[in-house]
Amino acid sequence: MVKSTIIARVTDGLPLAASMDDEQAESELAGYKSQAKAIFKKLNLQSEPMCSIESGPYYLHYLLDQGVCYLCICERSFPRKLAFNYLDELAKEFYMSYGGEVEKTNLRPYAFIKFDTFIQKTKRIYEDSRTQQNLSKLNEDLRDVTQIMTKNMEDLLWRGDSLDRMSTLSDRLRDQSEKYRKDARRLNLEALYRKYGIPAAIILGFILVVYLRYKLF
């Protein structure tokens, strides 16, 4: 299930709204919310638009839309497709309600905290992934989550991994380049075998026959 939600401005990480969590959740998620703030500091307008970040028993999923980051902390068992559909619903409603105010320079942190009412209402809809409505959402082709980048929190915060789209594309291109290089090497070997394999076998056979005749006679 969705445990907590934070909405922030991409350009400077300013928190705009968040879910009002109970004391137990606040205590359990304090460290993960700090990680979320660290993620906001790494984001920019060139960052990957959707990402899932592994951290202990949770996933931190985020969605970038219209200069705003929508992030939720979810249990690992909660389906990614539902998590991103949840964030997509928040993004649409938030933009309709506050889209024209997001870039104001005089905004204070959590300026749109009243948006929590919609967050809580939407979160309740997604609480149980087994409900008929959510099963229907899972079966719909809402988005291809297999293409969403997945990162590890340790790599992200301590080893300097990037969330930039160009970095991701570079990684993909490097992997594809290595694959193509291996395929090209294999194809070249097969081509050489087809071209020279049979003649080489005939020549070797002839040499072997001559050698045996010489040794035996």
C-alpha atoms as a PDB file:
ATOM      1  CA  MET A   1       0.000   0.000   0.000  1.00  0.00           C
ATOM      2  CA  VAL A   2       0.946   3.665  -0.317  1.00  0.00           C
ATOM      3  CA  LYS A   3       2.481   4.727   3.000  1.00  0.00           C
ATOM      4  CA  SER A   4       3.226   8.396   2.373  1.00  0.00           C
ATOM      5  CA  THR A   5       3.224  11.031  -0.369  1.00  0.00           C
ATOM      6  CA  ILE A   6       5.289  14.171  -0.937  1.00  0.00           C
ATOM      7  CA  ILE A   7       4.963  16.736  -3.735  1.00  0.00           C
ATOM      8  CA  ALA A   8       7.865  19.086  -4.496  1.00  0.00           C
ATOM      9  CA  ARG A   9       8.976  21.624  -7.080  1.00  0.00           C
ATOM     10  CA  VAL A  10      11.646  20.194  -9.386  1.00  0.00           C
ATOM     11  CA  THR A  11      13.777  23.309  -9.872  1.00  0.00           C
ATOM     12  CA  ASP A  12      14.674  23.778  -6.196  1.00  0.00           C
ATOM     13  CA  GLY A  13      13.131  20.850  -4.287  1.00  0.00           C
ATOM     14  CA  LEU A  14      10.677  23.106  -2.427  1.00  0.00           C
ATOM     15  CA  PRO A  15       8.010  20.885  -0.801  1.00  0.00           C
ATOM     16  CA  LEU A  16       4.584  21.981  -2.006  1.00  0.00           C
ATOM     17  CA  ALA A  17       2.276  19.450  -0.334  1.00  0.00           C
ATOM     18  CA  ALA A  18       2.367  16.152   1.530  1.00  0.00           C
ATOM     19  CA  SER A  19       0.133  13.566   3.089  1.00  0.00           C
ATOM     20  CA  MET A  20      -0.633  14.087   6.782  1.00  0.00           C
ATOM     21  CA  ASP A  21       0.594  10.804   8.255  1.00  0.00           C
ATOM     22  CA  ASP A  22      -0.162   9.472  11.733  1.00  0.00           C
ATOM     23  CA  GLU A  23       2.490   9.344  14.480  1.00  0.00           C
ATOM     24  CA  GLN A  24       3.378   5.707  13.875  1.00  0.00           C
ATOM     25  CA  ALA A  25       3.919   6.289  10.162  1.00  0.00           C
ATOM     26  CA  GLU A  26       5.935   9.433  10.863  1.00  0.00           C
ATOM     27  CA  SER A  27       8.202   7.442  13.178  1.00  0.00           C
ATOM     28  CA  GLU A  28       8.589   4.499  10.791  1.00  0.00           C
ATOM     29  CA  LEU A  29       9.128   6.611   7.690  1.00  0.00           C
ATOM     30  CA  ALA A  30      11.279   9.448   9.047  1.00  0.00           C
ATOM     31  CA  GLY A  31      14.457   8.090   7.453  1.00  0.00           C
ATOM     32  CA  TYR A  32      12.747   7.391   4.134  1.00  0.00           C
ATOM     33  CA  LYS A  33      11.289  10.899   4.032  1.00  0.00           C
ATOM     34  CA  SER A  34      14.827  12.236   4.490  1.00  0.00           C
ATOM     35  CA  GLN A  35      15.841  10.087   1.532  1.00  0.00           C
ATOM     36  CA  ALA A  36      12.963  11.575  -0.468  1.00  0.00           C
ATOM     37  CA  LYS A  37      14.278  15.080   0.259  1.00  0.00           C
ATOM     38  CA  ALA A  38      17.739  13.954  -0.899  1.00  0.00           C
ATOM     39  CA  ILE A  39      16.148  12.717  -4.141  1.00  0.00           C
ATOM     40  CA  PHE A  40      14.472  16.105  -4.667  1.00  0.00           C
ATOM     41  CA  LYS A  41      17.903  17.765  -4.442  1.00  0.00           C
ATOM     42  CA  LYS A  42      19.194  15.497  -7.224  1.00  0.00           C
ATOM     43  CA  LEU A  43      16.338  16.204  -9.612  1.00  0.00           C
ATOM     44  CA  ASN A  44      16.322  18.699 -12.467  1.00  0.00           C
ATOM     45  CA  LEU A  45      14.266  19.270 -15.586  1.00  0.00           C
ATOM     46  CA  GLN A  46      16.444  16.773 -17.493  1.00  0.00           C
ATOM     47  CA  SER A  47      15.899  13.987 -14.971  1.00  0.00           C
ATOM     48  CA  GLU A  48      14.244  10.696 -15.830  1.00  0.00           C
ATOM     49  CA  PRO A  49      10.472  11.445 -15.763  1.00  0.00           C
ATOM     50  CA  MET A  50       9.575   8.242 -13.868  1.00  0.00           C
ATOM     51  CA  CYS A  51      11.712   6.191 -11.529  1.00  0.00           C
ATOM     52  CA  SER A  52      11.439   3.524  -8.825  1.00  0.00           C
ATOM     53  CA  ILE A  53      14.073   3.574  -6.081  1.00  0.00           C
ATOM     54  CA  GLU A  54      14.600   0.578  -3.805  1.00  0.00           C
ATOM     55  CA  SER A  55      15.198   1.285  -0.122  1.00  0.00           C
ATOM     56  CA  GLY A  56      14.896  -1.446   2.495  1.00  0.00           C
ATOM     57  CA  PRO A  57      11.316  -2.717   2.749  1.00  0.00           C
ATOM     58  CA  TYR A  58       9.988   0.116   0.567  1.00  0.00           C
ATOM     59  CA  TYR A  59      10.027   1.560  -2.915  1.00  0.00           C
ATOM     60  CA  LEU A  60      10.116   5.296  -3.503  1.00  0.00           C
ATOM     61  CA  HIS A  61       8.327   5.917  -6.800  1.00  0.00           C
ATOM     62  CA  TYR A  62       8.351   9.343  -8.392  1.00  0.00           C
ATOM     63  CA  LEU A  63       6.716  10.991 -11.379  1.00  0.00           C
ATOM     64  CA  LEU A  64       7.768  14.334 -12.889  1.00  0.00           C
ATOM     65  CA  ASP A  65       5.064  16.413 -14.538  1.00  0.00           C
ATOM     66  CA  GLN A  66       4.911  20.112 -15.440  1.00  0.00           C
ATOM     67  CA  GLY A  67       7.927  20.948 -13.256  1.00  0.00           C
ATOM     68  CA  VAL A  68       6.556  19.135 -10.196  1.00  0.00           C
ATOM     69  CA  CYS A  69       7.730  15.882  -8.611  1.00  0.00           C
ATOM     70  CA  TYR A  70       5.104  13.538  -7.175  1.00  0.00           C
ATOM     71  CA  LEU A  71       6.704  10.934  -4.906  1.00  0.00           C
ATOM     72  CA  CYS A  72       5.156   8.124  -2.883  1.00  0.00           C
ATOM     73  CA  ILE A  73       6.673   5.657  -0.442  1.00  0.00           C
ATOM     74  CA  CYS A  74       5.138   2.207  -0.938  1.00  0.00           C
ATOM     75  CA  GLU A  75       5.534  -1.286   0.424  1.00  0.00           C
ATOM     76  CA  ARG A  76       7.627  -3.426  -1.914  1.00  0.00           C
ATOM     77  CA  SER A  77       4.656  -5.723  -2.557  1.00  0.00           C
ATOM     78  CA  PHE A  78       2.489  -2.872  -3.861  1.00  0.00           C
ATOM     79  CA  PRO A  79       2.211  -3.124  -7.698  1.00  0.00           C
ATOM     80  CA  ARG A  80       4.275  -0.504  -9.517  1.00  0.00           C
ATOM     81  CA  LYS A  81       1.544  -0.008 -12.105  1.00  0.00           C
ATOM     82  CA  LEU A  82      -0.889   1.056  -9.380  1.00  0.00           C
ATOM     83  CA  ALA A  83       1.724   3.288  -7.733  1.00  0.00           C
ATOM     84  CA  PHE A  84       2.338   5.238 -10.933  1.00  0.00           C
ATOM     85  CA  ASN A  85      -1.351   5.409 -11.732  1.00  0.00           C
ATOM     86  CA  TYR A  86      -1.888   6.853  -8.240  1.00  0.00           C
ATOM     87  CA  LEU A  87       0.811   9.475  -8.860  1.00  0.00           C
ATOM     88  CA  ASP A  88      -0.682  10.262 -12.260  1.00  0.00           C
ATOM     89  CA  GLU A  89      -4.072  10.982 -10.681  1.00  0.00           C
ATOM     90  CA  LEU A  90      -2.424  13.298  -8.137  1.00  0.00           C
ATOM     91  CA  ALA A  91      -0.526  15.084 -10.914  1.00  0.00           C
ATOM     92  CA  LYS A  92      -3.643  15.790 -12.952  1.00  0.00           C
ATOM     93  CA  GLU A  93      -5.629  17.128 -10.001  1.00  0.00           C
ATOM     94  CA  PHE A  94      -2.726  19.163  -8.576  1.00  0.00           C
ATOM     95  CA  TYR A  95      -2.025  20.820 -11.921  1.00  0.00           C
ATOM     96  CA  MET A  96      -5.713  21.695 -12.357  1.00  0.00           C
ATOM     97  CA  SER A  97      -5.841  23.192  -8.854  1.00  0.00           C
ATOM     98  CA  TYR A  98      -2.452  24.889  -8.469  1.00  0.00           C
ATOM     99  CA  GLY A  99      -0.599  24.647 -11.791  1.00  0.00           C
ATOM    100  CA  GLY A 100      -0.528  28.409 -12.289  1.00  0.00           C
ATOM    101  CA  GLU A 101       0.969  29.055  -8.855  1.00  0.00           C
ATOM    102  CA  VAL A 102       3.788  26.508  -8.690  1.00  0.00           C
ATOM    103  CA  GLU A 103       6.517  28.763 -10.127  1.00  0.00           C
ATOM    104  CA  LYS A 104       5.828  31.741  -7.861  1.00  0.00           C
ATOM    105  CA  THR A 105       9.064  32.828  -6.183  1.00  0.00           C
ATOM    106  CA  ASN A 106       7.464  33.765  -2.851  1.00  0.00           C
ATOM    107  CA  LEU A 107       5.967  30.348  -2.098  1.00  0.00           C
ATOM    108  CA  ARG A 108       6.532  28.957   1.370  1.00  0.00           C
ATOM    109  CA  PRO A 109       7.154  25.247   2.053  1.00  0.00           C
ATOM    110  CA  TYR A 110       3.924  23.210   1.942  1.00  0.00           C
ATOM    111  CA  ALA A 111       2.000  26.157   0.512  1.00  0.00           C
ATOM    112  CA  PHE A 112      -0.624  23.752  -0.855  1.00  0.00           C
ATOM    113  CA  ILE A 113      -0.999  21.529   2.202  1.00  0.00           C
ATOM    114  CA  LYS A 114      -4.789  21.583   1.696  1.00  0.00           C
ATOM    115  CA  PHE A 115      -4.179  19.212  -1.210  1.00  0.00           C
ATOM    116  CA  ASP A 116      -3.815  16.517   1.470  1.00  0.00           C
ATOM    117  CA  THR A 117      -7.606  16.107   1.347  1.00  0.00           C
ATOM    118  CA  PHE A 118      -7.374  14.831  -2.225  1.00  0.00           C
ATOM    119  CA  ILE A 119      -4.255  12.779  -1.418  1.00  0.00           C
ATOM    120  CA  GLN A 120      -6.029  10.957   1.419  1.00  0.00           C
ATOM    121  CA  LYS A 121      -9.149  10.344  -0.655  1.00  0.00           C
ATOM    122  CA  THR A 122      -7.101   8.921  -3.552  1.00  0.00           C
ATOM    123  CA  LYS A 123      -4.850   6.896  -1.247  1.00  0.00           C
ATOM    124  CA  ARG A 124      -7.886   5.163   0.253  1.00  0.00           C
ATOM    125  CA  ILE A 125      -8.966   4.070  -3.229  1.00  0.00           C
ATOM    126  CA  TYR A 126      -5.551   2.450  -3.778  1.00  0.00           C
ATOM    127  CA  GLU A 127      -5.132   0.959  -0.292  1.00  0.00           C
ATOM    128  CA  ASP A 128      -5.923  -2.618  -1.295  1.00  0.00           C
ATOM    129  CA  SER A 129      -4.547  -3.752  -4.658  1.00  0.00           C
ATOM    130  CA  ARG A 130      -6.986  -6.692  -4.586  1.00  0.00           C
ATOM    131  CA  THR A 131     -10.167  -4.630  -4.842  1.00  0.00           C
ATOM    132  CA  GLN A 132     -12.103  -5.011  -8.074  1.00  0.00           C
ATOM    133  CA  GLN A 133     -11.401  -1.430  -9.137  1.00  0.00           C
ATOM    134  CA  ASN A 134      -7.652  -1.800  -8.627  1.00  0.00           C
ATOM    135  CA  LEU A 135      -7.574  -5.208 -10.288  1.00  0.00           C
ATOM    136  CA  SER A 136      -9.179  -3.564 -13.300  1.00  0.00           C
ATOM    137  CA  LYS A 137      -6.506  -0.866 -13.255  1.00  0.00           C
ATOM    138  CA  LEU A 138      -3.802  -3.545 -13.157  1.00  0.00           C
ATOM    139  CA  ASN A 139      -5.312  -5.297 -16.170  1.00  0.00           C
ATOM    140  CA  GLU A 140      -5.592  -2.113 -18.199  1.00  0.00           C
ATOM    141  CA  ASP A 141      -2.596  -1.130 -20.316  1.00  0.00           C
ATOM    142  CA  LEU A 142      -2.140   2.116 -18.418  1.00  0.00           C
ATOM    143  CA  ARG A 143       1.622   2.360 -18.763  1.00  0.00           C
ATOM    144  CA  ASP A 144       4.525   0.023 -19.471  1.00  0.00           C
ATOM    145  CA  VAL A 145       6.231  -0.081 -16.072  1.00  0.00           C
ATOM    146  CA  THR A 146       8.933  -2.413 -17.398  1.00  0.00           C
ATOM    147  CA  GLN A 147      10.478   0.630 -19.118  1.00  0.00           C
ATOM    148  CA  ILE A 148      10.631   2.661 -15.907  1.00  0.00           C
ATOM    149  CA  MET A 149      14.129   3.032 -14.518  1.00  0.00           C
ATOM    150  CA  THR A 150      14.849   1.292 -11.198  1.00  0.00           C
ATOM    151  CA  LYS A 151      17.620   2.492  -8.908  1.00  0.00           C
ATOM    152  CA  ASN A 152      19.028   1.429  -5.567  1.00  0.00           C
ATOM    153  CA  MET A 153      19.011   4.085  -2.840  1.00  0.00           C
ATOM    154  CA  GLU A 154      22.548   3.255  -1.734  1.00  0.00           C
ATOM    155  CA  ASP A 155      23.861   3.669  -5.279  1.00  0.00           C
ATOM    156  CA  LEU A 156      21.924   6.898  -5.675  1.00  0.00           C
ATOM    157  CA  LEU A 157      22.948   8.623  -2.437  1.00  0.00           C
ATOM    158  CA  TRP A 158      26.397   7.222  -1.712  1.00  0.00           C
ATOM    159  CA  ARG A 159      27.872   6.197  -5.066  1.00  0.00           C
ATOM    160  CA  GLY A 160      26.764   9.213  -7.018  1.00  0.00           C
ATOM    161  CA  ASP A 161      24.353   7.583  -9.468  1.00  0.00           C
ATOM    162  CA  SER A 162      22.474  10.096 -11.581  1.00  0.00           C
ATOM    163  CA  LEU A 163      18.759  10.464 -12.197  1.00  0.00           C
ATOM    164  CA  ASP A 164      19.327  12.367 -15.428  1.00  0.00           C
ATOM    165  CA  ARG A 165      17.633  11.070 -18.534  1.00  0.00           C
ATOM    166  CA  MET A 166      20.870  11.500 -20.532  1.00  0.00           C
ATOM    167  CA  SER A 167      22.754   9.336 -18.028  1.00  0.00           C
ATOM    168  CA  THR A 168      20.124   6.628 -18.383  1.00  0.00           C
ATOM    169  CA  LEU A 169      20.243   6.835 -22.165  1.00  0.00           C
ATOM    170  CA  SER A 170      24.032   6.636 -22.013  1.00  0.00           C
ATOM    171  CA  ASP A 171      23.848   3.485 -19.888  1.00  0.00           C
ATOM    172  CA  ARG A 172      21.371   1.927 -22.301  1.00  0.00           C
ATOM    173  CA  LEU A 173      23.482   2.862 -25.309  1.00  0.00           C
ATOM    174  CA  ARG A 174      26.591   1.412 -23.659  1.00  0.00           C
ATOM    175  CA  ASP A 175      24.778  -1.865 -22.937  1.00  0.00           C
ATOM    176  CA  GLN A 176      23.385  -2.005 -26.465  1.00  0.00           C
ATOM    177  CA  SER A 177      26.807  -1.199 -27.933  1.00  0.00           C
ATOM    178  CA  GLU A 178      28.378  -4.087 -26.021  1.00  0.00           C
ATOM    179  CA  LYS A 179      25.605  -6.423 -27.207  1.00  0.00           C
ATOM    180  CA  TYR A 180      26.035  -5.327 -30.830  1.00  0.00           C
ATOM    181  CA  ARG A 181      29.810  -5.774 -30.576  1.00  0.00           C
ATOM    182  CA  LYS A 182      29.398  -9.361 -29.369  1.00  0.00           C
ATOM    183  CA  ASP A 183      26.797 -10.066 -32.058  1.00  0.00           C
ATOM    184  CA  ALA A 184      29.059  -8.592 -34.751  1.00  0.00           C
ATOM    185  CA  ARG A 185      31.977 -10.717 -33.585  1.00  0.00           C
ATOM    186  CA  ARG A 186      29.827 -13.855 -33.721  1.00  0.00           C
ATOM    187  CA  LEU A 187      28.441 -12.983 -37.167  1.00  0.00           C
ATOM    188  CA  ASN A 188      31.956 -12.326 -38.501  1.00  0.00           C
ATOM    189  CA  LEU A 189      33.115 -15.715 -37.270  1.00  0.00           C
ATOM    190  CA  GLU A 190      30.111 -17.396 -38.857  1.00  0.00           C
ATOM    191  CA  ALA A 191      30.764 -15.574 -42.139  1.00  0.00           C
ATOM    192  CA  LEU A 192      34.421 -16.627 -42.108  1.00  0.00           C
ATOM    193  CA  TYR A 193      33.419 -20.216 -41.424  1.00  0.00           C
ATOM    194  CA  ARG A 194      30.919 -20.222 -44.308  1.00  0.00           C
ATOM    195  CA  LYS A 195      33.476 -18.676 -46.656  1.00  0.00           C
ATOM    196  CA  TYR A 196      36.622 -20.580 -45.715  1.00  0.00           C
ATOM    197  CA  GLY A 197      35.478 -23.470 -43.551  1.00  0.00           C
ATOM    198  CA  ILE A 198      34.842 -26.060 -46.281  1.00  0.00           C
ATOM    199  CA  PRO A 199      37.935 -25.202 -48.375  1.00  0.00           C
ATOM    200  CA  ALA A 200      40.069 -25.255 -45.234  1.00  0.00           C
ATOM    201  CA  ALA A 201      38.640 -28.637 -44.253  1.00  0.00           C
ATOM    202  CA  ILE A 202      39.379 -30.029 -47.737  1.00  0.00           C
ATOM    203  CA  ILE A 203      42.956 -28.711 -47.652  1.00  0.00           C
ATOM    204  CA  LEU A 204      43.546 -30.094 -44.161  1.00  0.00           C
ATOM    205  CA  GLY A 205      42.101 -33.436 -45.267  1.00  0.00           C
ATOM    206  CA  PHE A 206      44.370 -33.499 -48.301  1.00  0.00           C
ATOM    207  CA  ILE A 207      47.431 -32.661 -46.178  1.00  0.00           C
ATOM    208  CA  LEU A 208      46.481 -35.388 -43.723  1.00  0.00           C
ATOM    209  CA  VAL A 209      46.155 -37.971 -46.521  1.00  0.00           C
ATOM    210  CA  VAL A 210      49.533 -36.992 -47.968  1.00  0.00           C
ATOM    211  CA  TYR A 211      51.117 -37.130 -44.533  1.00  0.00           C
ATOM    212  CA  LEU A 212      49.696 -40.582 -43.807  1.00  0.00           C
ATOM    213  CA  ARG A 213      50.779 -41.915 -47.213  1.00  0.00           C
ATOM    214  CA  TYR A 214      54.266 -40.588 -46.590  1.00  0.00           C
ATOM    215  CA  LYS A 215      54.451 -42.103 -43.086  1.00  0.00           C
ATOM    216  CA  LEU A 216      53.013 -45.469 -44.112  1.00  0.00           C
ATOM    217  CA  PHE A 217      54.817 -45.937 -47.413  1.00  0.00           C
END
